[in-house]
Amino acid sequence: MSVSVIAVPSVTKLPGNANGAVVVGGSHGAVYAAYLSAKAGARAAIHNDACIGRDDAGISGLPWADRHGMAMATVSGASARIGDGADMLRRGFISRANALAAACGVEPGQPASEAAERLKAAPWPHTMPEPMSEGRTLAGRVICIDSISLGGPRDRGRVIASGSHGGVPAGETAAAFLPALALFNDAGFGMEQAGVTGLAVLDRVGVAGGTVAALSARIGDGRSTLLDGILSEVNQAAYRLGARIGGSALAFALALAEKASDNRL
């Protein structure tokens, strides 16, 4: 049977042909993203390591994938753009591989294109993972979500702290529902500063946006974005509202949430 390799900007909405394929996804390599690839039936997955970041969060999905029978590797965020699976496949280099991927011959320093070919031999089918409940919690008046894909029309005009990277796909997702503020993880900025390029997307629709430093907060963890995050980049809309690089994400988000609740924005 022929095994295909598919490259996608994000694993939050994988196509049906991901089932049995090697998925090269522009998402970070944290646990929830790994779960989405496994849930879609991917034979194996290559994600972006988001420059690894605090508590190795950017590669935390690798041991999870091992436990659930899916070969998985990550591409160095410094070698290819996060949020761009095609770019990762074209010029990315492997940074880490779990045991199942290593058994297929995948190793650090290898071109992602070569790794994808090797992963065609990964064991499949694997056991479907149990449904994972993605975090959505309220901290004061701020909504914390582990992925911006969990946001929607009910969050219009609200302050959102997400665990997603701040690349173009995340910016487009947030722009579709128009929050008052969307916070992301900068994924270490990475190749061509791809980890923050979604902020310009938000500026175009008048939405304040910012990222927190990957070493200050765990990617894939919205509460960590809010409670631990230090602002590393802000767009013009956020700057006009008082956001400053080096400032506390928590302080800015709470102040903005209070204004939003009072309809003072």
Protein backbone atom coordinates (compact mmCIF):
# COMPACT_ATOMS: atom_id res chain seq x y z
CA MET A 1 0.00 0.00 0.00
CA SER A 2 1.31 3.44 -0.94
CA VAL A 3 1.75 5.78 2.02
CA SER A 4 1.33 9.49 1.41
CA VAL A 5 3.02 12.45 3.05
CA ILE A 6 0.77 15.47 3.61
CA ALA A 7 1.92 18.91 4.73
CA VAL A 8 -0.56 21.23 6.47
CA PRO A 9 -0.34 24.62 8.21
CA SER A 10 -1.99 23.29 11.36
CA VAL A 11 -3.16 19.94 12.73
CA THR A 12 -6.29 21.47 14.27
CA LYS A 13 -8.27 20.68 11.10
CA LEU A 14 -6.72 17.70 9.40
CA PRO A 15 -8.22 16.37 6.14
CA GLY A 16 -9.61 12.86 5.84
CA ASN A 17 -6.55 11.67 3.94
CA ALA A 18 -4.45 12.17 7.08
CA ASN A 19 -5.65 8.72 8.14
CA GLY A 20 -2.71 6.39 7.47
CA ALA A 21 -0.49 9.19 6.16
CA VAL A 22 2.67 10.82 7.46
CA VAL A 23 1.51 14.26 8.60
CA VAL A 24 3.92 17.20 8.52
CA GLY A 25 2.02 19.79 10.50
CA GLY A 26 2.95 23.39 11.24
CA SER A 27 1.64 23.08 14.79
CA HIS A 28 3.90 22.96 17.84
CA GLY A 29 4.94 19.61 19.28
CA ALA A 30 3.14 19.82 22.63
CA VAL A 31 0.73 17.16 23.87
CA TYR A 32 -2.59 18.44 22.52
CA ALA A 33 -1.22 18.90 19.01
CA ALA A 34 0.22 15.38 19.11
CA TYR A 35 -3.19 14.13 20.20
CA LEU A 36 -4.86 15.80 17.21
CA SER A 37 -2.52 14.06 14.78
CA ALA A 38 -3.09 10.72 16.48
CA LYS A 39 -6.86 11.27 16.62
CA ALA A 40 -6.89 11.87 12.86
CA GLY A 41 -5.25 8.47 12.38
CA ALA A 42 -1.87 9.73 11.21
CA ARG A 43 0.62 6.92 10.72
CA ALA A 44 3.31 9.28 12.01
CA ALA A 45 3.68 13.00 12.59
CA ILE A 46 6.31 15.69 12.26
CA HIS A 47 5.55 18.94 14.10
CA ASN A 48 7.55 22.09 14.84
CA ASP A 49 9.48 22.14 18.13
CA ALA A 50 8.56 25.81 18.71
CA CYS A 51 12.18 26.33 19.77
CA ILE A 52 11.34 23.95 22.66
CA GLY A 53 10.79 26.65 25.29
CA ARG A 54 9.87 26.47 28.96
CA ASP A 55 9.82 23.00 30.51
CA ASP A 56 10.51 21.51 27.05
CA ALA A 57 6.84 22.13 26.27
CA GLY A 58 7.45 22.38 22.54
CA ILE A 59 8.42 18.71 22.35
CA SER A 60 6.26 17.34 25.18
CA GLY A 61 4.07 15.50 22.69
CA LEU A 62 6.88 13.11 21.72
CA PRO A 63 6.74 10.86 24.82
CA TRP A 64 2.94 11.09 24.77
CA ALA A 65 2.95 9.82 21.17
CA ASP A 66 5.30 6.98 22.12
CA ARG A 67 2.88 5.84 24.82
CA HIS A 68 0.04 5.89 22.30
CA GLY A 69 1.88 4.02 19.55
CA MET A 70 2.52 6.89 17.12
CA ALA A 71 5.96 7.67 15.72
CA MET A 72 6.61 11.38 16.02
CA ALA A 73 9.45 13.84 15.44
CA THR A 74 9.91 17.58 15.54
CA VAL A 75 11.56 20.03 13.18
CA SER A 76 13.74 22.76 14.63
CA GLY A 77 11.85 26.04 14.77
CA ALA A 78 15.06 27.76 13.71
CA SER A 79 15.17 25.77 10.46
CA ALA A 80 11.64 26.30 9.09
CA ARG A 81 8.58 28.43 9.71
CA ILE A 82 6.14 27.33 12.38
CA GLY A 83 2.60 27.34 11.01
CA ASP A 84 3.84 26.24 7.59
CA GLY A 85 4.03 22.48 7.09
CA ALA A 86 5.14 22.83 3.47
CA ASP A 87 8.11 24.96 4.51
CA MET A 88 8.99 22.46 7.24
CA LEU A 89 8.96 19.62 4.73
CA ARG A 90 11.01 21.61 2.22
CA ARG A 91 13.81 22.96 4.40
CA GLY A 92 13.31 21.80 7.97
CA PHE A 93 15.76 19.70 9.97
CA ILE A 94 14.79 17.22 12.64
CA SER A 95 15.53 18.30 16.21
CA ARG A 96 14.04 15.42 18.21
CA ALA A 97 12.47 12.02 17.56
CA ASN A 98 10.58 9.69 19.87
CA ALA A 99 11.53 6.04 20.21
CA LEU A 100 9.08 4.84 17.55
CA ALA A 101 10.40 7.39 15.05
CA ALA A 102 14.00 6.56 15.91
CA ALA A 103 13.23 2.91 15.19
CA CYS A 104 12.36 4.01 11.64
CA GLY A 105 15.76 5.65 11.25
CA VAL A 106 14.74 9.22 12.10
CA GLU A 107 17.42 11.18 13.94
CA PRO A 108 18.33 14.76 14.85
CA GLY A 109 19.96 16.75 12.04
CA GLN A 110 18.17 14.81 9.30
CA PRO A 111 16.24 16.75 6.63
CA ALA A 112 12.53 16.62 7.33
CA SER A 113 11.89 15.33 3.82
CA GLU A 114 14.11 12.31 4.46
CA ALA A 115 12.52 11.73 7.87
CA ALA A 116 9.05 11.78 6.31
CA GLU A 117 10.07 9.07 3.85
CA ARG A 118 11.46 6.93 6.66
CA LEU A 119 8.30 7.38 8.69
CA LYS A 120 6.29 5.68 5.96
CA ALA A 121 7.50 2.47 7.64
CA ALA A 122 6.08 3.44 11.05
CA PRO A 123 3.72 0.96 12.74
CA TRP A 124 0.09 1.45 11.81
CA PRO A 125 -2.73 1.34 12.65
CA HIS A 126 -2.13 2.41 16.23
CA THR A 127 -4.70 2.54 19.01
CA MET A 128 -6.94 5.57 18.84
CA PRO A 129 -6.32 7.80 21.88
CA GLU A 130 -9.00 8.41 24.45
CA PRO A 131 -10.76 11.75 23.93
CA MET A 132 -8.73 14.56 25.42
CA SER A 133 -10.48 17.51 26.95
CA GLU A 134 -8.65 20.65 25.89
CA GLY A 135 -8.31 23.25 28.61
CA ARG A 136 -10.72 26.16 28.67
CA THR A 137 -10.78 27.98 31.98
CA LEU A 138 -11.68 31.40 33.35
CA ALA A 139 -9.07 33.40 35.24
CA GLY A 140 -10.78 36.51 36.49
CA ARG A 141 -12.35 37.93 33.34
CA VAL A 142 -9.81 36.33 31.00
CA ILE A 143 -10.57 33.18 29.01
CA CYS A 144 -7.61 30.78 28.97
CA ILE A 145 -7.60 28.22 26.16
CA ASP A 146 -4.87 25.76 25.29
CA SER A 147 -5.45 26.27 21.56
CA ILE A 148 -6.85 29.29 19.76
CA SER A 149 -8.95 26.81 17.76
CA LEU A 150 -11.12 26.48 20.87
CA GLY A 151 -12.20 30.11 20.52
CA GLY A 152 -15.29 31.10 18.59
CA PRO A 153 -18.15 33.57 18.20
CA ARG A 154 -19.00 33.43 21.91
CA ASP A 155 -15.57 34.98 22.57
CA ARG A 156 -16.12 38.09 20.46
CA GLY A 157 -15.00 41.13 22.42
CA ARG A 158 -13.39 39.06 25.19
CA VAL A 159 -9.80 38.79 26.35
CA ILE A 160 -8.22 35.48 25.33
CA ALA A 161 -4.96 33.92 26.53
CA SER A 162 -4.11 30.96 24.32
CA GLY A 163 -1.39 28.33 24.32
CA SER A 164 -1.06 28.46 20.54
CA HIS A 165 1.94 29.85 18.73
CA GLY A 166 1.47 33.33 17.28
CA GLY A 167 1.95 32.41 13.63
CA VAL A 168 -0.33 33.21 10.71
CA PRO A 169 -2.80 30.30 11.18
CA ALA A 170 -3.42 31.33 14.80
CA GLY A 171 -3.85 34.96 13.83
CA GLU A 172 -6.35 34.03 11.14
CA THR A 173 -8.31 31.87 13.58
CA ALA A 174 -8.56 34.67 16.14
CA ALA A 175 -9.38 37.28 13.50
CA ALA A 176 -12.43 35.26 12.52
CA PHE A 177 -14.12 35.78 15.91
CA LEU A 178 -12.75 39.24 16.86
CA PRO A 179 -11.73 39.06 20.52
CA ALA A 180 -10.71 42.26 22.33
CA LEU A 181 -7.25 40.78 22.85
CA ALA A 182 -5.57 37.53 21.83
CA LEU A 183 -2.35 36.39 23.49
CA PHE A 184 -0.13 33.65 22.08
CA ASN A 185 3.26 32.03 22.68
CA ASP A 186 6.03 33.37 20.44
CA ALA A 187 7.49 29.87 19.84
CA GLY A 188 10.94 31.38 20.22
CA PHE A 189 10.20 33.58 17.17
CA GLY A 190 11.96 30.97 14.99
CA MET A 191 12.73 31.08 11.29
CA GLU A 192 11.78 34.42 9.77
CA GLN A 193 10.07 35.33 13.06
CA ALA A 194 7.18 33.09 12.05
CA GLY A 195 6.08 32.65 15.66
CA VAL A 196 4.72 36.21 15.80
CA THR A 197 3.51 36.83 12.22
CA GLY A 198 -0.12 36.36 13.20
CA LEU A 199 -0.07 39.65 15.10
CA ALA A 200 -0.08 41.61 11.84
CA VAL A 201 -3.12 39.61 10.73
CA LEU A 202 -4.94 40.82 13.85
CA ASP A 203 -3.86 44.41 13.28
CA ARG A 204 -5.61 44.35 9.91
CA VAL A 205 -8.95 43.69 11.62
CA GLY A 206 -8.31 46.00 14.58
CA VAL A 207 -7.75 43.29 17.19
CA ALA A 208 -5.09 43.72 19.86
CA GLY A 209 -2.59 40.88 19.90
CA GLY A 210 0.57 39.93 21.69
CA THR A 211 2.93 37.06 22.29
CA VAL A 212 4.71 35.88 25.40
CA ALA A 213 8.27 34.60 25.42
CA ALA A 214 8.52 30.83 24.95
CA LEU A 215 10.98 30.64 27.83
CA SER A 216 8.55 32.40 30.15
CA ALA A 217 5.46 30.27 29.55
CA ARG A 218 4.68 26.75 28.35
CA ILE A 219 3.44 26.57 24.79
CA GLY A 220 0.16 24.66 24.54
CA ASP A 221 -0.94 25.95 27.97
CA GLY A 222 -3.23 28.97 27.98
CA ARG A 223 -3.08 29.45 31.75
CA SER A 224 0.70 29.54 31.60
CA THR A 225 0.49 32.17 28.85
CA LEU A 226 -1.58 34.34 31.15
CA LEU A 227 -0.04 33.65 34.56
CA ASP A 228 3.63 33.19 33.62
CA GLY A 229 4.01 35.04 30.34
CA ILE A 230 6.21 38.04 29.67
CA LEU A 231 5.24 40.00 26.58
CA SER A 232 7.79 39.56 23.80
CA GLU A 233 5.95 41.22 20.90
CA VAL A 234 2.77 43.29 20.57
CA ASN A 235 0.92 44.61 17.55
CA GLN A 236 0.00 48.23 16.98
CA ALA A 237 -3.54 47.79 18.29
CA ALA A 238 -2.21 46.37 21.58
CA TYR A 239 0.48 49.05 21.85
CA ARG A 240 -2.15 51.77 21.61
CA LEU A 241 -3.93 50.12 24.55
CA GLY A 242 -0.79 50.14 26.70
CA ALA A 243 0.91 46.83 25.99
CA ARG A 244 4.70 46.96 26.16
CA ILE A 245 7.39 44.37 25.42
CA GLY A 246 8.82 43.09 28.69
CA GLY A 247 5.59 43.69 30.56
CA SER A 248 3.42 41.17 32.37
CA ALA A 249 0.84 39.44 30.20
CA LEU A 250 -1.34 39.02 33.28
CA ALA A 251 -1.34 42.69 34.22
CA PHE A 252 -2.16 43.84 30.68
CA ALA A 253 -4.83 41.19 30.11
CA LEU A 254 -6.62 41.88 33.39
CA ALA A 255 -6.62 45.63 32.80
CA LEU A 256 -8.00 45.17 29.30
CA ALA A 257 -10.60 42.65 30.46
CA GLU A 258 -11.89 45.14 33.00
CA LYS A 259 -12.22 47.81 30.30
CA ALA A 260 -13.92 45.34 27.96
CA SER A 261 -16.45 44.34 30.60
CA ASP A 262 -17.24 48.02 31.19
CA ASN A 263 -17.50 48.66 27.43
CA ARG A 264 -14.69 51.19 27.65
CA LEU A 265 -12.59 49.84 24.75
